[in-house]
Amino acid sequence: MRRSPRSSASTRTSPPRGPTRSKIPPDLGIGPQRTCVGCQTVRPQRELVRIARTADGTLAVGRTLPGRGAWLCHGSPSCLDLAVRRGGFARSFRSPVSTSAIAELRSAMAADQQR
């Protein structure tokens, strides 16, 4: 029996992979990248602040706190407002966030800005 001519495996090219997760060029030496839950801007981690949901449902600011986290632009009350309006916190924490927890976070961030 005669085989039909096919290209060998070494001459075939692999299909291109899917799109990358980030729209930022790979490894520019700027460190880890995170996305603000308010304005959806991708920035270096050092330019953002991490909001974590505690076990009792309150929100706390801190990079090393356990649990799920959401990232906001540092010192930007407009990003906080956008995150609340667009549901960014509920999406990041995968559960609803109470308005009292948002109010406490807003006052804590305002007090931090005055320092």
C-alpha atoms as a PDB file:
ATOM      1  CA  MET A   1       0.000   0.000   0.000  1.00  0.00           C
ATOM      2  CA  ARG A   2       1.086   3.403  -0.767  1.00  0.00           C
ATOM      3  CA  ARG A   3       0.846   6.238   1.757  1.00  0.00           C
ATOM      4  CA  SER A   4      -0.494   9.594   0.772  1.00  0.00           C
ATOM      5  CA  PRO A   5       2.044  12.406   0.970  1.00  0.00           C
ATOM      6  CA  ARG A   6       1.665  14.351   4.173  1.00  0.00           C
ATOM      7  CA  SER A   7       3.866  16.904   5.739  1.00  0.00           C
ATOM      8  CA  SER A   8       6.004  15.559   8.495  1.00  0.00           C
ATOM      9  CA  ALA A   9       5.497  16.633  12.100  1.00  0.00           C
ATOM     10  CA  SER A  10       8.764  18.560  12.105  1.00  0.00           C
ATOM     11  CA  THR A  11       7.618  20.893   9.329  1.00  0.00           C
ATOM     12  CA  ARG A  12       4.230  21.662  10.802  1.00  0.00           C
ATOM     13  CA  THR A  13       3.864  24.807  12.799  1.00  0.00           C
ATOM     14  CA  SER A  14       1.880  24.859  15.977  1.00  0.00           C
ATOM     15  CA  PRO A  15      -1.219  27.032  16.044  1.00  0.00           C
ATOM     16  CA  PRO A  16      -0.846  30.376  17.779  1.00  0.00           C
ATOM     17  CA  ARG A  17      -1.821  30.405  21.412  1.00  0.00           C
ATOM     18  CA  GLY A  18      -4.753  32.390  22.730  1.00  0.00           C
ATOM     19  CA  PRO A  19      -4.488  36.007  23.774  1.00  0.00           C
ATOM     20  CA  THR A  20      -2.444  36.874  26.805  1.00  0.00           C
ATOM     21  CA  ARG A  21      -4.218  37.856  30.007  1.00  0.00           C
ATOM     22  CA  SER A  22      -2.835  41.361  30.057  1.00  0.00           C
ATOM     23  CA  LYS A  23      -2.681  44.051  27.425  1.00  0.00           C
ATOM     24  CA  ILE A  24       0.679  45.155  28.787  1.00  0.00           C
ATOM     25  CA  PRO A  25       3.829  44.044  26.987  1.00  0.00           C
ATOM     26  CA  PRO A  26       5.505  41.116  28.775  1.00  0.00           C
ATOM     27  CA  ASP A  27       8.070  41.789  31.488  1.00  0.00           C
ATOM     28  CA  LEU A  28       9.084  45.401  31.337  1.00  0.00           C
ATOM     29  CA  GLY A  29      10.707  45.060  34.740  1.00  0.00           C
ATOM     30  CA  ILE A  30       7.930  46.899  36.553  1.00  0.00           C
ATOM     31  CA  GLY A  31       6.859  44.074  38.844  1.00  0.00           C
ATOM     32  CA  PRO A  32       3.464  42.491  39.423  1.00  0.00           C
ATOM     33  CA  GLN A  33       0.466  44.064  37.718  1.00  0.00           C
ATOM     34  CA  ARG A  34      -3.017  44.402  39.216  1.00  0.00           C
ATOM     35  CA  THR A  35      -6.299  45.849  37.952  1.00  0.00           C
ATOM     36  CA  CYS A  36      -8.227  48.514  39.851  1.00  0.00           C
ATOM     37  CA  VAL A  37     -11.793  47.324  40.540  1.00  0.00           C
ATOM     38  CA  GLY A  38     -13.032  50.887  40.060  1.00  0.00           C
ATOM     39  CA  CYS A  39     -11.485  52.318  36.906  1.00  0.00           C
ATOM     40  CA  GLN A  40     -10.306  48.944  35.466  1.00  0.00           C
ATOM     41  CA  THR A  41      -6.798  50.350  34.878  1.00  0.00           C
ATOM     42  CA  VAL A  42      -3.879  47.904  34.990  1.00  0.00           C
ATOM     43  CA  ARG A  43      -1.084  49.355  37.108  1.00  0.00           C
ATOM     44  CA  PRO A  44       1.978  48.165  38.990  1.00  0.00           C
ATOM     45  CA  GLN A  45       1.066  46.682  42.355  1.00  0.00           C
ATOM     46  CA  ARG A  46       2.934  49.427  44.228  1.00  0.00           C
ATOM     47  CA  GLU A  47       0.506  52.067  42.848  1.00  0.00           C
ATOM     48  CA  LEU A  48      -2.573  50.282  44.199  1.00  0.00           C
ATOM     49  CA  VAL A  49      -3.965  49.515  47.640  1.00  0.00           C
ATOM     50  CA  ARG A  50      -5.434  46.105  48.535  1.00  0.00           C
ATOM     51  CA  ILE A  51      -8.850  45.843  50.161  1.00  0.00           C
ATOM     52  CA  ALA A  52      -9.574  42.540  51.901  1.00  0.00           C
ATOM     53  CA  ARG A  53     -12.851  41.174  53.197  1.00  0.00           C
ATOM     54  CA  THR A  54     -12.569  39.945  56.778  1.00  0.00           C
ATOM     55  CA  ALA A  55     -14.450  37.003  58.282  1.00  0.00           C
ATOM     56  CA  ASP A  56     -17.109  39.265  59.831  1.00  0.00           C
ATOM     57  CA  GLY A  57     -17.880  40.937  56.480  1.00  0.00           C
ATOM     58  CA  THR A  58     -16.086  44.230  57.016  1.00  0.00           C
ATOM     59  CA  LEU A  59     -13.513  45.580  54.604  1.00  0.00           C
ATOM     60  CA  ALA A  60      -9.945  46.332  55.658  1.00  0.00           C
ATOM     61  CA  VAL A  61      -6.961  47.916  53.918  1.00  0.00           C
ATOM     62  CA  GLY A  62      -3.746  45.901  53.900  1.00  0.00           C
ATOM     63  CA  ARG A  63      -1.518  43.931  51.557  1.00  0.00           C
ATOM     64  CA  THR A  64      -0.904  40.988  53.858  1.00  0.00           C
ATOM     65  CA  LEU A  65      -4.428  40.410  55.168  1.00  0.00           C
ATOM     66  CA  PRO A  66      -5.788  36.913  54.523  1.00  0.00           C
ATOM     67  CA  GLY A  67      -8.638  36.160  52.184  1.00  0.00           C
ATOM     68  CA  ARG A  68      -9.882  37.516  48.902  1.00  0.00           C
ATOM     69  CA  GLY A  69      -8.711  40.926  47.913  1.00  0.00           C
ATOM     70  CA  ALA A  70      -9.638  43.750  45.599  1.00  0.00           C
ATOM     71  CA  TRP A  71      -7.271  46.449  44.367  1.00  0.00           C
ATOM     72  CA  LEU A  72      -7.969  50.192  44.163  1.00  0.00           C
ATOM     73  CA  CYS A  73      -5.887  53.096  42.886  1.00  0.00           C
ATOM     74  CA  HIS A  74      -4.045  54.586  45.841  1.00  0.00           C
ATOM     75  CA  GLY A  75      -5.576  57.858  47.049  1.00  0.00           C
ATOM     76  CA  SER A  76      -8.420  57.917  44.541  1.00  0.00           C
ATOM     77  CA  PRO A  77     -11.900  58.386  46.025  1.00  0.00           C
ATOM     78  CA  SER A  78     -13.332  58.373  42.491  1.00  0.00           C
ATOM     79  CA  CYS A  79     -12.128  54.780  42.004  1.00  0.00           C
ATOM     80  CA  LEU A  80     -13.862  53.796  45.242  1.00  0.00           C
ATOM     81  CA  ASP A  81     -17.088  55.393  43.990  1.00  0.00           C
ATOM     82  CA  LEU A  82     -16.780  53.607  40.643  1.00  0.00           C
ATOM     83  CA  ALA A  83     -16.136  50.261  42.339  1.00  0.00           C
ATOM     84  CA  VAL A  84     -19.272  50.664  44.449  1.00  0.00           C
ATOM     85  CA  ARG A  85     -21.405  51.826  41.506  1.00  0.00           C
ATOM     86  CA  ARG A  86     -20.208  49.092  39.111  1.00  0.00           C
ATOM     87  CA  GLY A  87     -20.267  46.278  41.679  1.00  0.00           C
ATOM     88  CA  GLY A  88     -16.507  45.739  41.582  1.00  0.00           C
ATOM     89  CA  PHE A  89     -16.254  44.699  45.224  1.00  0.00           C
ATOM     90  CA  ALA A  90     -19.088  42.170  44.990  1.00  0.00           C
ATOM     91  CA  ARG A  91     -17.479  40.698  41.864  1.00  0.00           C
ATOM     92  CA  SER A  92     -14.003  40.527  43.423  1.00  0.00           C
ATOM     93  CA  PHE A  93     -15.182  39.038  46.717  1.00  0.00           C
ATOM     94  CA  ARG A  94     -17.751  36.786  44.991  1.00  0.00           C
ATOM     95  CA  SER A  95     -20.416  37.850  47.467  1.00  0.00           C
ATOM     96  CA  PRO A  96     -22.453  40.975  48.184  1.00  0.00           C
ATOM     97  CA  VAL A  97     -20.879  43.742  50.255  1.00  0.00           C
ATOM     98  CA  SER A  98     -22.997  45.677  52.753  1.00  0.00           C
ATOM     99  CA  THR A  99     -23.370  49.428  52.517  1.00  0.00           C
ATOM    100  CA  SER A 100     -22.140  49.785  56.097  1.00  0.00           C
ATOM    101  CA  ALA A 101     -18.886  48.016  55.181  1.00  0.00           C
ATOM    102  CA  ILE A 102     -18.468  50.420  52.247  1.00  0.00           C
ATOM    103  CA  ALA A 103     -19.130  53.412  54.516  1.00  0.00           C
ATOM    104  CA  GLU A 104     -16.515  52.201  57.028  1.00  0.00           C
ATOM    105  CA  LEU A 105     -13.994  51.680  54.230  1.00  0.00           C
ATOM    106  CA  ARG A 106     -14.700  55.153  52.838  1.00  0.00           C
ATOM    107  CA  SER A 107     -14.106  56.773  56.246  1.00  0.00           C
ATOM    108  CA  ALA A 108     -10.935  54.731  56.831  1.00  0.00           C
ATOM    109  CA  MET A 109      -9.530  55.724  53.445  1.00  0.00           C
ATOM    110  CA  ALA A 110     -10.440  59.397  54.031  1.00  0.00           C
ATOM    111  CA  ALA A 111      -8.672  59.329  57.409  1.00  0.00           C
ATOM    112  CA  ASP A 112      -5.621  57.753  55.759  1.00  0.00           C
ATOM    113  CA  GLN A 113      -5.576  60.533  53.132  1.00  0.00           C
ATOM    114  CA  GLN A 114      -5.443  63.230  55.841  1.00  0.00           C
ATOM    115  CA  ARG A 115      -2.296  61.757  57.385  1.00  0.00           C
END
